[in-house]
Amino acid sequence: MTTTENPEPVQINSWFGPAGTVSPLHQDPRRNLLCQVFGEKELILIHQDDSAYVYPALEDPLLFNTSQVDLKKPDLEQFPDFVHAKQMRVILKPGQMLYIPPKCWHYVQSLSPSFSLSFWFD
């Protein structure tokens, strides 16, 4: 599937898991439309302008887009500037969609068994 303005294909991902499944704080390079099919997920979003405060793992070629901070238990001695990162919390329920802009930091935790689809596009 491609968009009219961009011949790059839309990438569709499915996410299925039990309650408590966590995707740590990270960012993606493409636009993301996250669609919740069943169950609920908590998302915590941090604007890309606050990237310096989330301590990206830039030295790691596999985790360069992932924060070193454990969002639920931040070590403020090791990552003191994390307190400056402005966070927005969202609960995504069945039938709801959330647009996540490129490079927006986001943490995801399933609050119940859940299934969602994400559509990544340019």
N, C-alpha and C. Protein backbone atom coordinates (compact mmCIF):
# COMPACT_ATOMS: atom_id res chain seq x y z
N MET A 1 0.85 -1.17 0.00
CA MET A 1 0.00 0.00 0.00
C MET A 1 0.90 1.24 0.00
N THR A 2 0.61 2.22 -0.86
CA THR A 2 1.37 3.45 -0.90
C THR A 2 0.43 4.63 -0.74
N THR A 3 1.00 5.78 -0.35
CA THR A 3 0.19 7.00 -0.27
C THR A 3 0.31 7.74 -1.59
N THR A 4 -0.59 8.68 -1.84
CA THR A 4 -0.61 9.42 -3.09
C THR A 4 0.65 10.26 -3.26
N GLU A 5 1.08 10.94 -2.20
CA GLU A 5 2.22 11.84 -2.29
C GLU A 5 3.55 11.11 -2.27
N ASN A 6 3.57 9.91 -1.73
CA ASN A 6 4.83 9.22 -1.51
C ASN A 6 4.70 7.77 -1.97
N PRO A 7 5.60 7.35 -2.84
CA PRO A 7 5.51 5.97 -3.31
C PRO A 7 6.00 4.93 -2.29
N GLU A 8 6.54 5.36 -1.15
CA GLU A 8 6.98 4.43 -0.12
C GLU A 8 5.76 3.68 0.42
N PRO A 9 5.88 2.39 0.63
CA PRO A 9 4.73 1.63 1.12
C PRO A 9 4.38 1.96 2.57
N VAL A 10 3.11 1.82 2.87
CA VAL A 10 2.65 1.91 4.25
C VAL A 10 3.00 0.57 4.89
N GLN A 11 3.67 0.64 6.04
CA GLN A 11 4.05 -0.58 6.74
C GLN A 11 3.03 -0.84 7.83
N ILE A 12 2.45 -2.03 7.83
CA ILE A 12 1.43 -2.39 8.82
C ILE A 12 2.05 -3.38 9.80
N ASN A 13 1.94 -3.06 11.09
CA ASN A 13 2.46 -3.92 12.15
C ASN A 13 1.32 -4.31 13.07
N SER A 14 1.36 -5.53 13.57
CA SER A 14 0.36 -5.95 14.55
C SER A 14 1.06 -6.22 15.87
N TRP A 15 0.36 -5.88 16.96
CA TRP A 15 0.91 -6.00 18.32
C TRP A 15 -0.12 -6.73 19.18
N PHE A 16 0.25 -7.91 19.62
CA PHE A 16 -0.65 -8.74 20.42
C PHE A 16 0.12 -9.20 21.65
N GLY A 17 -0.49 -9.07 22.83
CA GLY A 17 0.21 -9.53 24.02
C GLY A 17 -0.66 -9.48 25.26
N PRO A 18 -0.12 -10.05 26.34
CA PRO A 18 -0.85 -10.08 27.61
C PRO A 18 -0.74 -8.75 28.33
N ALA A 19 -1.50 -8.60 29.39
CA ALA A 19 -1.38 -7.43 30.26
C ALA A 19 0.06 -7.35 30.76
N GLY A 20 0.57 -6.13 30.84
CA GLY A 20 1.92 -5.93 31.35
C GLY A 20 2.99 -5.89 30.28
N THR A 21 2.65 -6.21 29.03
CA THR A 21 3.63 -6.13 27.96
C THR A 21 4.09 -4.69 27.81
N VAL A 22 5.42 -4.49 27.73
CA VAL A 22 5.98 -3.14 27.68
C VAL A 22 6.85 -2.97 26.45
N SER A 23 6.69 -1.84 25.80
CA SER A 23 7.63 -1.37 24.79
C SER A 23 8.31 -0.15 25.42
N PRO A 24 9.62 -0.24 25.71
CA PRO A 24 10.28 0.85 26.43
C PRO A 24 10.25 2.15 25.62
N LEU A 25 10.58 3.23 26.29
CA LEU A 25 10.58 4.55 25.67
C LEU A 25 11.49 4.55 24.45
N HIS A 26 10.90 4.86 23.29
CA HIS A 26 11.65 4.85 22.04
C HIS A 26 10.99 5.81 21.06
N GLN A 27 11.64 6.00 19.91
CA GLN A 27 11.07 6.80 18.84
C GLN A 27 11.21 6.06 17.53
N ASP A 28 10.34 6.39 16.58
CA ASP A 28 10.35 5.77 15.27
C ASP A 28 10.53 6.85 14.20
N PRO A 29 11.11 6.50 13.06
CA PRO A 29 11.38 7.52 12.04
C PRO A 29 10.20 7.90 11.16
N ARG A 30 9.10 7.12 11.22
CA ARG A 30 7.96 7.38 10.35
C ARG A 30 6.74 7.79 11.15
N ARG A 31 5.76 8.38 10.47
CA ARG A 31 4.48 8.66 11.11
C ARG A 31 3.84 7.34 11.50
N ASN A 32 3.07 7.36 12.60
CA ASN A 32 2.48 6.13 13.10
C ASN A 32 1.03 6.41 13.48
N LEU A 33 0.14 5.65 12.92
CA LEU A 33 -1.26 5.68 13.33
C LEU A 33 -1.50 4.38 14.07
N LEU A 34 -1.60 4.46 15.40
CA LEU A 34 -1.77 3.29 16.26
C LEU A 34 -3.26 3.09 16.51
N CYS A 35 -3.77 1.93 16.14
CA CYS A 35 -5.21 1.63 16.22
C CYS A 35 -5.42 0.49 17.22
N GLN A 36 -6.19 0.75 18.25
CA GLN A 36 -6.45 -0.25 19.28
C GLN A 36 -7.68 -1.07 18.89
N VAL A 37 -7.50 -2.39 18.77
CA VAL A 37 -8.59 -3.28 18.37
C VAL A 37 -9.32 -3.79 19.60
N PHE A 38 -8.59 -4.39 20.55
CA PHE A 38 -9.20 -4.76 21.83
C PHE A 38 -8.18 -4.61 22.94
N GLY A 39 -8.70 -4.52 24.17
CA GLY A 39 -7.84 -4.26 25.32
C GLY A 39 -7.49 -2.78 25.42
N GLU A 40 -6.69 -2.46 26.43
CA GLU A 40 -6.29 -1.07 26.65
C GLU A 40 -4.78 -0.98 26.79
N LYS A 41 -4.25 0.15 26.33
CA LYS A 41 -2.82 0.41 26.45
C LYS A 41 -2.61 1.80 27.03
N GLU A 42 -1.60 1.90 27.87
CA GLU A 42 -1.15 3.20 28.36
C GLU A 42 0.03 3.62 27.49
N LEU A 43 -0.03 4.86 27.02
CA LEU A 43 1.10 5.42 26.29
C LEU A 43 1.56 6.67 27.00
N ILE A 44 2.85 6.84 27.07
CA ILE A 44 3.43 8.07 27.58
C ILE A 44 4.27 8.65 26.45
N LEU A 45 3.95 9.87 26.08
CA LEU A 45 4.58 10.54 24.95
C LEU A 45 5.47 11.67 25.43
N ILE A 46 6.61 11.83 24.78
CA ILE A 46 7.54 12.93 25.06
C ILE A 46 7.94 13.52 23.72
N HIS A 47 7.78 14.82 23.57
CA HIS A 47 8.08 15.51 22.31
C HIS A 47 9.56 15.35 21.95
N GLN A 48 9.83 15.29 20.66
CA GLN A 48 11.21 15.15 20.20
C GLN A 48 12.12 16.30 20.63
N ASP A 49 11.54 17.47 20.92
CA ASP A 49 12.36 18.60 21.41
C ASP A 49 12.98 18.29 22.77
N ASP A 50 12.45 17.31 23.49
CA ASP A 50 12.99 16.92 24.79
C ASP A 50 13.92 15.71 24.70
N SER A 51 14.41 15.41 23.51
CA SER A 51 15.27 14.23 23.30
C SER A 51 16.49 14.20 24.20
N ALA A 52 17.10 15.34 24.45
CA ALA A 52 18.30 15.37 25.30
C ALA A 52 18.00 14.90 26.71
N TYR A 53 16.76 15.02 27.15
CA TYR A 53 16.40 14.66 28.52
C TYR A 53 16.09 13.17 28.70
N VAL A 54 15.95 12.43 27.58
CA VAL A 54 15.59 11.02 27.69
C VAL A 54 16.80 10.09 27.51
N TYR A 55 17.97 10.66 27.29
CA TYR A 55 19.22 9.90 27.22
C TYR A 55 19.15 8.75 26.21
N PRO A 56 19.05 9.08 24.92
CA PRO A 56 19.03 8.02 23.90
C PRO A 56 20.31 7.19 23.95
N ALA A 57 20.19 5.92 23.63
CA ALA A 57 21.34 5.01 23.61
C ALA A 57 22.06 5.15 22.27
N LEU A 58 22.61 6.32 22.00
CA LEU A 58 23.18 6.64 20.70
C LEU A 58 24.37 5.78 20.32
N GLU A 59 25.10 5.27 21.29
CA GLU A 59 26.29 4.47 21.01
C GLU A 59 25.95 3.05 20.55
N ASP A 60 24.73 2.62 20.79
CA ASP A 60 24.33 1.26 20.46
C ASP A 60 23.64 1.25 19.09
N PRO A 61 24.22 0.58 18.09
CA PRO A 61 23.62 0.59 16.76
C PRO A 61 22.24 -0.05 16.68
N LEU A 62 21.90 -0.91 17.64
CA LEU A 62 20.58 -1.53 17.64
C LEU A 62 19.55 -0.75 18.44
N LEU A 63 20.00 -0.01 19.44
CA LEU A 63 19.07 0.68 20.35
C LEU A 63 19.19 2.20 20.29
N PHE A 64 19.73 2.73 19.21
CA PHE A 64 19.95 4.18 19.11
C PHE A 64 18.67 4.99 19.23
N ASN A 65 17.53 4.37 18.93
CA ASN A 65 16.24 5.06 19.01
C ASN A 65 15.52 4.79 20.33
N THR A 66 16.22 4.21 21.29
CA THR A 66 15.63 3.82 22.57
C THR A 66 16.28 4.59 23.71
N SER A 67 15.47 5.01 24.66
CA SER A 67 15.97 5.73 25.83
C SER A 67 16.65 4.76 26.80
N GLN A 68 17.66 5.26 27.48
CA GLN A 68 18.31 4.47 28.53
C GLN A 68 17.53 4.53 29.84
N VAL A 69 16.55 5.42 29.92
CA VAL A 69 15.79 5.65 31.15
C VAL A 69 14.63 4.65 31.25
N ASP A 70 14.50 4.03 32.42
CA ASP A 70 13.33 3.22 32.70
C ASP A 70 12.23 4.19 33.11
N LEU A 71 11.27 4.38 32.22
CA LEU A 71 10.27 5.43 32.43
C LEU A 71 9.48 5.26 33.72
N LYS A 72 9.21 4.03 34.12
CA LYS A 72 8.41 3.80 35.32
C LYS A 72 9.24 3.88 36.61
N LYS A 73 10.56 3.73 36.50
CA LYS A 73 11.45 3.83 37.67
C LYS A 73 12.72 4.55 37.26
N PRO A 74 12.62 5.84 36.91
CA PRO A 74 13.81 6.54 36.43
C PRO A 74 14.87 6.70 37.52
N ASP A 75 16.11 6.43 37.15
CA ASP A 75 17.24 6.63 38.06
C ASP A 75 17.72 8.07 37.86
N LEU A 76 17.24 8.95 38.72
CA LEU A 76 17.53 10.38 38.56
C LEU A 76 18.96 10.75 38.97
N GLU A 77 19.64 9.85 39.63
CA GLU A 77 21.07 10.09 39.89
C GLU A 77 21.87 9.87 38.61
N GLN A 78 21.53 8.83 37.88
CA GLN A 78 22.22 8.53 36.63
C GLN A 78 21.72 9.42 35.49
N PHE A 79 20.43 9.77 35.49
CA PHE A 79 19.82 10.54 34.42
C PHE A 79 19.09 11.77 34.99
N PRO A 80 19.83 12.71 35.56
CA PRO A 80 19.20 13.82 36.29
C PRO A 80 18.34 14.75 35.43
N ASP A 81 18.66 14.91 34.15
CA ASP A 81 17.88 15.83 33.32
C ASP A 81 16.54 15.26 32.88
N PHE A 82 16.29 13.97 33.18
CA PHE A 82 15.02 13.38 32.79
C PHE A 82 13.84 14.11 33.43
N VAL A 83 14.06 14.74 34.56
CA VAL A 83 12.97 15.47 35.23
C VAL A 83 12.43 16.60 34.36
N HIS A 84 13.21 17.04 33.37
CA HIS A 84 12.79 18.15 32.50
C HIS A 84 11.96 17.69 31.30
N ALA A 85 11.89 16.40 31.07
CA ALA A 85 11.12 15.88 29.94
C ALA A 85 9.63 16.00 30.24
N LYS A 86 8.92 16.72 29.40
CA LYS A 86 7.47 16.88 29.58
C LYS A 86 6.76 15.65 29.03
N GLN A 87 5.92 15.05 29.85
CA GLN A 87 5.25 13.81 29.48
C GLN A 87 3.74 14.02 29.32
N MET A 88 3.17 13.30 28.34
CA MET A 88 1.73 13.27 28.17
C MET A 88 1.29 11.82 28.25
N ARG A 89 0.32 11.53 29.10
CA ARG A 89 -0.16 10.17 29.31
C ARG A 89 -1.51 9.99 28.62
N VAL A 90 -1.66 8.88 27.92
CA VAL A 90 -2.87 8.57 27.17
C VAL A 90 -3.25 7.11 27.44
N ILE A 91 -4.54 6.85 27.63
CA ILE A 91 -5.04 5.47 27.67
C ILE A 91 -5.79 5.25 26.36
N LEU A 92 -5.31 4.28 25.58
CA LEU A 92 -5.91 3.96 24.30
C LEU A 92 -6.86 2.78 24.49
N LYS A 93 -8.13 2.99 24.13
CA LYS A 93 -9.17 1.99 24.33
C LYS A 93 -9.62 1.42 22.99
N PRO A 94 -10.34 0.28 23.01
CA PRO A 94 -10.79 -0.33 21.76
C PRO A 94 -11.54 0.65 20.87
N GLY A 95 -11.20 0.64 19.59
CA GLY A 95 -11.84 1.53 18.62
C GLY A 95 -11.19 2.90 18.52
N GLN A 96 -10.21 3.19 19.37
CA GLN A 96 -9.54 4.49 19.32
C GLN A 96 -8.24 4.38 18.53
N MET A 97 -7.84 5.54 17.98
CA MET A 97 -6.58 5.63 17.24
C MET A 97 -5.78 6.79 17.79
N LEU A 98 -4.47 6.67 17.71
CA LEU A 98 -3.58 7.74 18.15
C LEU A 98 -2.53 7.97 17.08
N TYR A 99 -2.39 9.21 16.65
CA TYR A 99 -1.34 9.58 15.71
C TYR A 99 -0.08 9.91 16.50
N ILE A 100 1.04 9.26 16.16
CA ILE A 100 2.32 9.52 16.80
C ILE A 100 3.26 10.07 15.73
N PRO A 101 3.66 11.33 15.85
CA PRO A 101 4.53 11.93 14.83
C PRO A 101 5.91 11.26 14.80
N PRO A 102 6.62 11.39 13.67
CA PRO A 102 7.97 10.84 13.59
C PRO A 102 8.85 11.43 14.70
N LYS A 103 9.67 10.57 15.28
CA LYS A 103 10.65 10.94 16.31
C LYS A 103 10.04 11.38 17.63
N CYS A 104 8.73 11.20 17.79
CA CYS A 104 8.09 11.45 19.09
C CYS A 104 8.40 10.25 19.98
N TRP A 105 8.96 10.51 21.15
CA TRP A 105 9.29 9.44 22.08
C TRP A 105 7.99 8.87 22.64
N HIS A 106 7.90 7.54 22.74
CA HIS A 106 6.69 6.93 23.30
C HIS A 106 7.03 5.63 24.00
N TYR A 107 6.33 5.44 25.10
CA TYR A 107 6.41 4.24 25.94
C TYR A 107 5.02 3.63 25.88
N VAL A 108 4.96 2.30 25.76
CA VAL A 108 3.66 1.63 25.64
C VAL A 108 3.61 0.46 26.62
N GLN A 109 2.50 0.38 27.36
CA GLN A 109 2.28 -0.76 28.24
C GLN A 109 0.85 -1.23 28.10
N SER A 110 0.68 -2.55 27.88
CA SER A 110 -0.66 -3.12 27.81
C SER A 110 -1.23 -3.20 29.23
N LEU A 111 -2.43 -2.67 29.39
CA LEU A 111 -3.10 -2.71 30.69
C LEU A 111 -3.96 -3.97 30.84
N SER A 112 -4.19 -4.63 29.72
CA SER A 112 -4.97 -5.86 29.68
C SER A 112 -4.49 -6.62 28.44
N PRO A 113 -4.92 -7.87 28.28
CA PRO A 113 -4.59 -8.52 27.00
C PRO A 113 -5.08 -7.60 25.88
N SER A 114 -4.25 -7.40 24.87
CA SER A 114 -4.65 -6.43 23.86
C SER A 114 -4.08 -6.75 22.49
N PHE A 115 -4.72 -6.15 21.51
CA PHE A 115 -4.30 -6.27 20.12
C PHE A 115 -4.44 -4.91 19.47
N SER A 116 -3.39 -4.48 18.79
CA SER A 116 -3.45 -3.22 18.06
C SER A 116 -2.71 -3.35 16.75
N LEU A 117 -3.01 -2.43 15.85
CA LEU A 117 -2.34 -2.33 14.57
C LEU A 117 -1.71 -0.95 14.46
N SER A 118 -0.53 -0.90 13.89
CA SER A 118 0.05 0.41 13.61
C SER A 118 0.34 0.51 12.12
N PHE A 119 0.09 1.68 11.60
CA PHE A 119 0.31 1.98 10.19
C PHE A 119 1.41 3.03 10.15
N TRP A 120 2.59 2.63 9.68
CA TRP A 120 3.72 3.56 9.57
C TRP A 120 3.79 4.07 8.14
N PHE A 121 3.90 5.37 8.00
CA PHE A 121 3.92 5.98 6.66
C PHE A 121 4.74 7.26 6.71
N ASP A 122 5.15 7.71 5.50
CA ASP A 122 5.93 8.95 5.39
C ASP A 122 5.03 10.12 5.05
